[in-house]
Amino acid sequence: MKTTLAAAIAGIAMMGGAASAQTTIEMSSTYPQSLPILGTAALDFVGRMNAISNEVEFEYFDPGKLVPALEALDAVSSGAVDSAYSTAGYWQGKMGAASLFAAVPFGPEAGEYMGWILYGDGGKLWQQMYDDNGYDVHTLPCGVIAPETSGWFKNEITGLEDLQGLNMRFFGLGAKVMERLGVSTSLLAGGDIFPALERGAIDATEFSMPAIDARLGFHKLVKYNYFPGWHQPATLFELLVNNDVWEDMGETAQAQIETACLATFATTLAEGEAINYAAMVDNVENNGVHIMQWSPEMLDVFEETWNGIAGELAAEDEFFAEVWNNLQEYRAGYKVWSQSIYLPRNR
């Protein structure tokens, strides 16, 4: 963490005080700024934070500039990087419960998820996961998007047999479902997916929402885009800050960061809801993409498979079980509200 003397001559003249030191915090993103929402959310956070704080200033870096995307957690924990903007699902291979704080198959949508994180036990458990696993980081919930698409395929998927033997990029807990159904999965950062499709290293992929996927050009290579996003009904994002960096800040700076992250919740969700229909129309009218819906039978298979996997993971991992049970208890209560107050989807 580097410190520079703030140039505040006008402020000194008005207040009659001394110049104060401003802390610069280097922040690596796991998404390039060229991607709408995923990439621009980090930039928006930085701009918003720097506009309201005189104590700290964030400096943004694209993935790979300071550290590769999938190495961000270790880099922040060690202090090699001050902070990172990411999603906990990228750390699924390190901590069994990580994706429960990112995206849950057939799980909560954005509003319900935010309620659990901000007003239930989700936020506390999220931090506990890092603490219990020896990561020297402070985590802040810092964005959410609505459902993603659930895959881009070269050919139409008419049944389970069409999934057998596919190599597919897949994220988080949904990957475990696909693996159980005969798909070989790998987790690739966004910028690595198109080249992998192009050279045949993978046959299919999922990544994000239509507007985001369009920027990566999947429609040029694979033409069957499947909905709904059963594996990611909502996706959470986080700001990771090295604990020493966090504790060295004043309470005002910490509160400003928390406030900027809360604002990023609103903008990421709203932007995703606003821009994706245009990308879907463009895919159909100009890119030759087939917008496909999973059959009820296929969705039933995905859900049944996921429920079995979730039970196995809870039996194997005490902390996964704690988080999973807490989330299910919250969702049972939420259902009393949601089933009463919202119009049915099929109305």
Protein backbone atom coordinates (compact mmCIF):
# COMPACT_ATOMS: atom_id res chain seq x y z
CA MET A 1 0.00 0.00 0.00
CA LYS A 2 1.53 3.30 -1.04
CA THR A 3 0.88 6.70 0.48
CA THR A 4 1.08 10.04 -1.29
CA LEU A 5 0.64 13.54 0.14
CA ALA A 6 -2.75 14.94 -0.91
CA ALA A 7 -2.59 18.28 -2.69
CA ALA A 8 -5.16 20.24 -0.76
CA ILE A 9 -3.99 23.86 -0.70
CA ALA A 10 -7.49 25.27 -1.04
CA GLY A 11 -8.76 23.06 1.74
CA ILE A 12 -5.89 24.09 4.00
CA ALA A 13 -6.66 27.74 3.39
CA MET A 14 -10.30 27.28 4.28
CA MET A 15 -9.78 25.06 7.29
CA GLY A 16 -6.49 26.41 8.53
CA GLY A 17 -5.24 22.83 8.94
CA ALA A 18 -2.33 20.81 7.68
CA ALA A 19 -2.23 18.69 4.54
CA SER A 20 -3.37 15.11 5.14
CA ALA A 21 -1.96 11.89 3.76
CA GLN A 22 -4.11 9.96 1.29
CA THR A 23 -3.68 6.20 1.00
CA THR A 24 -3.66 4.62 -2.45
CA ILE A 25 -5.06 1.10 -2.61
CA GLU A 26 -4.18 -1.00 -5.63
CA MET A 27 -7.13 -3.10 -6.74
CA SER A 28 -6.92 -5.97 -9.21
CA SER A 29 -10.10 -7.04 -10.97
CA THR A 30 -10.78 -10.59 -12.09
CA TYR A 31 -12.82 -9.20 -15.01
CA PRO A 32 -11.40 -6.95 -17.75
CA GLN A 33 -12.89 -3.47 -17.98
CA SER A 34 -13.93 -4.23 -21.57
CA LEU A 35 -16.77 -6.42 -20.26
CA PRO A 36 -20.04 -4.62 -19.50
CA ILE A 37 -21.26 -4.94 -15.91
CA LEU A 38 -18.71 -7.56 -14.80
CA GLY A 39 -15.76 -5.42 -15.79
CA THR A 40 -17.27 -1.97 -15.52
CA ALA A 41 -18.63 -2.65 -12.02
CA ALA A 42 -15.12 -2.53 -10.60
CA LEU A 43 -14.40 0.71 -12.44
CA ASP A 44 -17.68 2.19 -11.25
CA PHE A 45 -16.84 1.23 -7.67
CA VAL A 46 -13.42 2.88 -7.96
CA GLY A 47 -14.88 6.05 -9.46
CA ARG A 48 -17.60 6.23 -6.84
CA MET A 49 -15.19 5.59 -3.98
CA ASN A 50 -12.64 8.11 -5.15
CA ALA A 51 -15.34 10.75 -5.52
CA ILE A 52 -16.47 10.50 -1.91
CA SER A 53 -13.26 9.83 0.00
CA ASN A 54 -10.40 12.12 0.96
CA GLU A 55 -8.70 9.38 2.97
CA VAL A 56 -8.21 6.55 0.47
CA GLU A 57 -7.94 6.36 -3.29
CA PHE A 58 -8.38 3.13 -5.24
CA GLU A 59 -6.26 2.42 -8.32
CA TYR A 60 -7.79 -0.08 -10.76
CA PHE A 61 -5.86 -2.80 -12.63
CA ASP A 62 -7.16 -5.24 -15.23
CA PRO A 63 -6.63 -8.98 -14.61
CA GLY A 64 -3.06 -9.98 -15.36
CA LYS A 65 -1.60 -6.52 -14.76
CA LEU A 66 -0.84 -7.24 -11.11
CA VAL A 67 -1.89 -10.87 -10.82
CA PRO A 68 -3.78 -13.43 -12.95
CA ALA A 69 -7.53 -13.46 -12.30
CA LEU A 70 -7.69 -16.82 -10.56
CA GLU A 71 -4.75 -15.98 -8.26
CA ALA A 72 -6.31 -12.82 -6.81
CA LEU A 73 -7.40 -14.31 -3.47
CA ASP A 74 -3.94 -15.63 -2.62
CA ALA A 75 -2.34 -12.35 -3.74
CA VAL A 76 -4.60 -10.24 -1.51
CA SER A 77 -4.19 -12.58 1.44
CA SER A 78 -0.38 -12.47 1.20
CA GLY A 79 -0.34 -8.69 0.80
CA ALA A 80 1.14 -8.85 -2.71
CA VAL A 81 -1.98 -6.96 -3.84
CA ASP A 82 -3.98 -4.62 -1.61
CA SER A 83 -7.42 -5.60 -2.86
CA ALA A 84 -9.35 -7.38 -5.58
CA TYR A 85 -12.81 -7.24 -7.15
CA SER A 86 -14.07 -10.75 -7.83
CA THR A 87 -16.61 -13.44 -7.03
CA ALA A 88 -16.19 -16.08 -4.36
CA GLY A 89 -17.13 -18.78 -6.86
CA TYR A 90 -13.64 -18.54 -8.31
CA TRP A 91 -12.31 -20.04 -5.06
CA GLN A 92 -14.50 -23.15 -5.15
CA GLY A 93 -11.43 -25.35 -5.56
CA LYS A 94 -9.93 -23.89 -2.39
CA MET A 95 -12.98 -23.86 -0.08
CA GLY A 96 -15.97 -26.15 -0.46
CA ALA A 97 -18.55 -23.53 0.55
CA ALA A 98 -17.18 -20.68 -1.55
CA SER A 99 -19.80 -20.85 -4.30
CA LEU A 100 -22.63 -20.61 -1.78
CA PHE A 101 -21.57 -16.94 -1.58
CA ALA A 102 -21.54 -16.56 -5.36
CA ALA A 103 -24.31 -18.51 -7.09
CA VAL A 104 -26.46 -21.45 -6.00
CA PRO A 105 -28.15 -23.76 -8.52
CA PHE A 106 -31.93 -23.36 -8.24
CA GLY A 107 -31.11 -20.98 -5.40
CA PRO A 108 -32.09 -17.44 -4.48
CA GLU A 109 -32.62 -14.70 -7.04
CA ALA A 110 -31.03 -11.31 -6.51
CA GLY A 111 -33.41 -9.73 -3.99
CA GLU A 112 -33.64 -12.84 -1.84
CA TYR A 113 -29.88 -13.36 -1.98
CA MET A 114 -29.17 -9.77 -0.95
CA GLY A 115 -31.56 -10.15 1.98
CA TRP A 116 -29.67 -13.19 3.29
CA ILE A 117 -26.27 -11.55 2.84
CA LEU A 118 -27.08 -8.11 4.23
CA TYR A 119 -29.77 -8.85 6.83
CA GLY A 120 -29.46 -12.58 7.49
CA ASP A 121 -26.37 -14.56 8.45
CA GLY A 122 -24.88 -14.72 4.96
CA GLY A 123 -22.38 -11.86 5.33
CA LYS A 124 -21.09 -13.13 8.67
CA LEU A 125 -20.65 -16.66 7.34
CA TRP A 126 -18.92 -15.32 4.22
CA GLN A 127 -16.23 -13.65 6.31
CA GLN A 128 -15.99 -16.68 8.60
CA MET A 129 -15.17 -18.88 5.61
CA TYR A 130 -12.06 -16.85 4.83
CA ASP A 131 -11.05 -16.60 8.49
CA ASP A 132 -11.43 -20.32 9.13
CA ASN A 133 -9.36 -21.19 6.06
CA GLY A 134 -6.49 -18.91 7.03
CA TYR A 135 -7.01 -16.19 4.42
CA ASP A 136 -5.90 -12.79 5.66
CA VAL A 137 -8.66 -10.86 3.90
CA HIS A 138 -11.68 -8.72 4.71
CA THR A 139 -14.58 -9.34 2.33
CA LEU A 140 -17.38 -6.96 1.42
CA PRO A 141 -20.41 -7.90 -0.71
CA CYS A 142 -20.05 -5.58 -3.69
CA GLY A 143 -22.48 -6.31 -6.50
CA VAL A 144 -25.12 -8.69 -7.81
CA ILE A 145 -26.53 -9.59 -11.19
CA ALA A 146 -29.74 -11.30 -12.27
CA PRO A 147 -29.70 -14.77 -13.90
CA GLU A 148 -27.15 -15.75 -16.50
CA THR A 149 -27.70 -17.96 -19.51
CA SER A 150 -26.96 -21.60 -18.83
CA GLY A 151 -24.83 -22.45 -21.80
CA TRP A 152 -23.69 -22.03 -25.40
CA PHE A 153 -23.59 -25.21 -27.46
CA LYS A 154 -22.62 -26.07 -31.03
CA ASN A 155 -25.67 -28.29 -31.45
CA GLU A 156 -29.16 -28.50 -30.03
CA ILE A 157 -29.41 -30.46 -26.77
CA THR A 158 -32.45 -32.71 -27.06
CA GLY A 159 -31.73 -34.97 -24.11
CA LEU A 160 -29.17 -36.10 -21.57
CA GLU A 161 -27.40 -38.20 -24.18
CA ASP A 162 -26.34 -35.02 -26.00
CA LEU A 163 -24.39 -33.88 -22.93
CA GLN A 164 -22.35 -37.06 -22.68
CA GLY A 165 -18.66 -36.50 -23.37
CA LEU A 166 -18.81 -32.75 -23.89
CA ASN A 167 -15.91 -30.59 -22.69
CA MET A 168 -17.43 -27.41 -21.26
CA ARG A 169 -16.33 -24.33 -19.40
CA PHE A 170 -18.57 -24.14 -16.34
CA PHE A 171 -18.59 -22.11 -13.13
CA GLY A 172 -19.12 -23.00 -9.50
CA LEU A 173 -21.52 -25.54 -8.11
CA GLY A 174 -23.37 -25.95 -11.40
CA ALA A 175 -20.22 -27.57 -12.76
CA LYS A 176 -20.70 -30.44 -10.32
CA VAL A 177 -24.15 -31.06 -11.78
CA MET A 178 -22.83 -31.12 -15.32
CA GLU A 179 -20.01 -33.46 -14.33
CA ARG A 180 -22.50 -35.87 -12.75
CA LEU A 181 -24.38 -35.86 -16.08
CA GLY A 182 -21.32 -36.81 -18.13
CA VAL A 183 -19.80 -33.43 -19.00
CA SER A 184 -16.11 -32.75 -18.44
CA THR A 185 -15.85 -29.21 -17.01
CA SER A 186 -13.08 -26.67 -16.56
CA LEU A 187 -13.05 -23.20 -15.04
CA LEU A 188 -11.58 -20.63 -17.43
CA ALA A 189 -11.31 -16.88 -16.99
CA GLY A 190 -13.43 -14.88 -19.43
CA GLY A 191 -10.63 -13.97 -21.81
CA ASP A 192 -9.54 -17.59 -22.19
CA ILE A 193 -12.91 -18.98 -23.29
CA PHE A 194 -13.12 -17.88 -26.95
CA PRO A 195 -9.64 -19.19 -27.81
CA ALA A 196 -10.49 -22.50 -26.11
CA LEU A 197 -13.68 -22.79 -28.18
CA GLU A 198 -11.85 -21.79 -31.34
CA ARG A 199 -9.15 -24.44 -31.04
CA GLY A 200 -11.58 -27.14 -29.88
CA ALA A 201 -10.26 -27.47 -26.34
CA ILE A 202 -13.86 -27.07 -25.17
CA ASP A 203 -17.09 -27.83 -27.02
CA ALA A 204 -19.42 -25.56 -25.08
CA THR A 205 -19.37 -22.83 -22.46
CA GLU A 206 -21.35 -20.74 -20.05
CA PHE A 207 -20.07 -17.43 -18.76
CA SER A 208 -22.57 -14.70 -18.04
CA MET A 209 -25.49 -12.65 -19.35
CA PRO A 210 -26.21 -12.15 -23.09
CA ALA A 211 -24.78 -8.61 -23.18
CA ILE A 212 -21.58 -9.79 -21.53
CA ASP A 213 -21.26 -12.97 -23.59
CA ALA A 214 -21.75 -10.90 -26.75
CA ARG A 215 -18.62 -8.90 -25.96
CA LEU A 216 -16.66 -12.17 -25.81
CA GLY A 217 -17.98 -13.27 -29.20
CA PHE A 218 -19.32 -16.72 -28.35
CA HIS A 219 -22.04 -16.32 -31.00
CA LYS A 220 -19.39 -16.51 -33.71
CA LEU A 221 -18.56 -20.12 -32.82
CA VAL A 222 -21.58 -21.62 -31.06
CA LYS A 223 -25.17 -20.88 -32.02
CA TYR A 224 -27.41 -22.53 -29.42
CA ASN A 225 -27.86 -20.39 -26.30
CA TYR A 226 -29.84 -22.02 -23.49
CA PHE A 227 -32.10 -20.49 -20.85
CA PRO A 228 -33.03 -20.23 -17.98
CA GLY A 229 -29.86 -19.86 -15.92
CA TRP A 230 -30.69 -22.62 -13.44
CA HIS A 231 -27.08 -22.76 -12.24
CA GLN A 232 -26.89 -19.04 -11.45
CA PRO A 233 -30.28 -17.47 -10.63
CA ALA A 234 -28.20 -14.60 -9.26
CA THR A 235 -24.47 -14.01 -8.90
CA LEU A 236 -22.80 -12.12 -6.07
CA PHE A 237 -19.53 -10.21 -6.27
CA GLU A 238 -17.07 -9.24 -3.59
CA LEU A 239 -14.38 -6.75 -2.75
CA LEU A 240 -11.46 -8.45 -1.01
CA VAL A 241 -9.14 -6.24 1.02
CA ASN A 242 -5.99 -7.40 2.76
CA ASN A 243 -6.68 -7.39 6.51
CA ASP A 244 -3.70 -5.20 7.39
CA VAL A 245 -4.74 -2.68 4.75
CA TRP A 246 -8.32 -2.72 6.04
CA GLU A 247 -7.35 -2.32 9.68
CA ASP A 248 -4.96 0.53 8.89
CA MET A 249 -7.85 2.59 7.52
CA GLY A 250 -9.94 4.89 9.62
CA GLU A 251 -13.58 4.11 10.35
CA THR A 252 -14.70 6.79 7.93
CA ALA A 253 -12.80 5.23 5.03
CA GLN A 254 -14.15 1.80 5.90
CA ALA A 255 -17.70 3.16 5.96
CA GLN A 256 -17.14 4.89 2.62
CA ILE A 257 -16.01 1.62 1.03
CA GLU A 258 -19.03 -0.18 2.43
CA THR A 259 -21.29 2.56 1.07
CA ALA A 260 -19.69 2.43 -2.38
CA CYS A 261 -20.17 -1.34 -2.45
CA LEU A 262 -23.84 -1.00 -1.50
CA ALA A 263 -24.29 1.44 -4.37
CA THR A 264 -22.63 -1.08 -6.68
CA PHE A 265 -25.32 -3.59 -5.71
CA ALA A 266 -27.93 -1.25 -7.14
CA THR A 267 -26.14 -0.39 -10.37
CA THR A 268 -25.01 -3.91 -11.28
CA LEU A 269 -28.50 -5.32 -10.83
CA ALA A 270 -30.23 -2.46 -12.64
CA GLU A 271 -27.84 -2.41 -15.59
CA GLY A 272 -28.15 -6.14 -16.10
CA GLU A 273 -31.92 -5.93 -16.16
CA ALA A 274 -31.80 -3.01 -18.60
CA ILE A 275 -29.42 -4.10 -21.36
CA ASN A 276 -29.79 -7.83 -21.92
CA TYR A 277 -32.94 -7.95 -23.99
CA ALA A 278 -31.26 -5.90 -26.73
CA ALA A 279 -28.37 -8.37 -26.85
CA MET A 280 -30.79 -11.28 -27.18
CA VAL A 281 -32.64 -9.58 -30.05
CA ASP A 282 -29.35 -8.82 -31.79
CA ASN A 283 -28.23 -12.43 -31.41
CA VAL A 284 -31.36 -13.69 -33.12
CA GLU A 285 -31.68 -11.05 -35.84
CA ASN A 286 -28.04 -10.51 -36.75
CA ASN A 287 -25.93 -13.37 -35.38
CA GLY A 288 -27.95 -16.46 -36.25
CA VAL A 289 -28.26 -17.54 -32.63
CA HIS A 290 -31.03 -19.90 -31.54
CA ILE A 291 -32.51 -18.90 -28.19
CA MET A 292 -33.40 -22.19 -26.53
CA GLN A 293 -35.35 -23.12 -23.41
CA TRP A 294 -34.55 -26.19 -21.37
CA SER A 295 -37.50 -28.56 -21.27
CA PRO A 296 -39.25 -29.08 -17.92
CA GLU A 297 -37.88 -32.61 -17.95
CA MET A 298 -34.28 -31.43 -18.33
CA LEU A 299 -34.73 -28.83 -15.59
CA ASP A 300 -36.12 -31.53 -13.31
CA VAL A 301 -33.02 -33.64 -13.94
CA PHE A 302 -30.69 -30.70 -13.25
CA GLU A 303 -32.52 -29.88 -10.01
CA GLU A 304 -32.73 -33.46 -8.78
CA THR A 305 -29.04 -33.95 -9.52
CA TRP A 306 -28.15 -30.73 -7.71
CA ASN A 307 -30.18 -31.63 -4.62
CA GLY A 308 -28.33 -34.93 -4.40
CA ILE A 309 -24.95 -33.23 -4.75
CA ALA A 310 -25.83 -30.60 -2.15
CA GLY A 311 -26.67 -33.35 0.32
CA GLU A 312 -23.37 -35.09 -0.36
CA LEU A 313 -21.37 -31.87 0.04
CA ALA A 314 -23.12 -31.11 3.32
CA ALA A 315 -22.32 -34.60 4.60
CA GLU A 316 -18.65 -34.22 3.68
CA ASP A 317 -18.02 -30.62 4.79
CA GLU A 318 -19.18 -29.33 8.17
CA PHE A 319 -18.95 -25.67 7.20
CA PHE A 320 -20.75 -26.25 3.88
CA ALA A 321 -23.52 -27.90 5.90
CA GLU A 322 -23.70 -24.94 8.29
CA VAL A 323 -23.99 -22.42 5.46
CA TRP A 324 -26.35 -24.59 3.39
CA ASN A 325 -28.71 -25.20 6.31
CA ASN A 326 -28.68 -21.53 7.26
CA LEU A 327 -29.54 -20.54 3.69
CA GLN A 328 -32.34 -23.13 3.49
CA GLU A 329 -33.82 -21.91 6.76
CA TYR A 330 -33.75 -18.34 5.47
CA ARG A 331 -35.33 -19.39 2.15
CA ALA A 332 -38.14 -21.24 3.91
CA GLY A 333 -39.04 -18.06 5.75
CA TYR A 334 -38.66 -15.93 2.64
CA LYS A 335 -41.09 -18.18 0.77
CA VAL A 336 -43.89 -17.13 3.15
CA TRP A 337 -43.38 -13.59 1.90
CA SER A 338 -42.54 -14.19 -1.75
CA GLN A 339 -45.40 -16.58 -2.50
CA SER A 340 -47.87 -14.16 -1.00
CA ILE A 341 -46.75 -10.78 -2.30
CA TYR A 342 -45.44 -11.33 -5.85
CA LEU A 343 -47.53 -12.00 -8.93
CA PRO A 344 -47.04 -15.53 -10.26
CA ARG A 345 -44.58 -15.71 -13.15
CA ASN A 346 -46.99 -17.58 -15.40
CA ARG A 347 -49.88 -15.16 -14.88
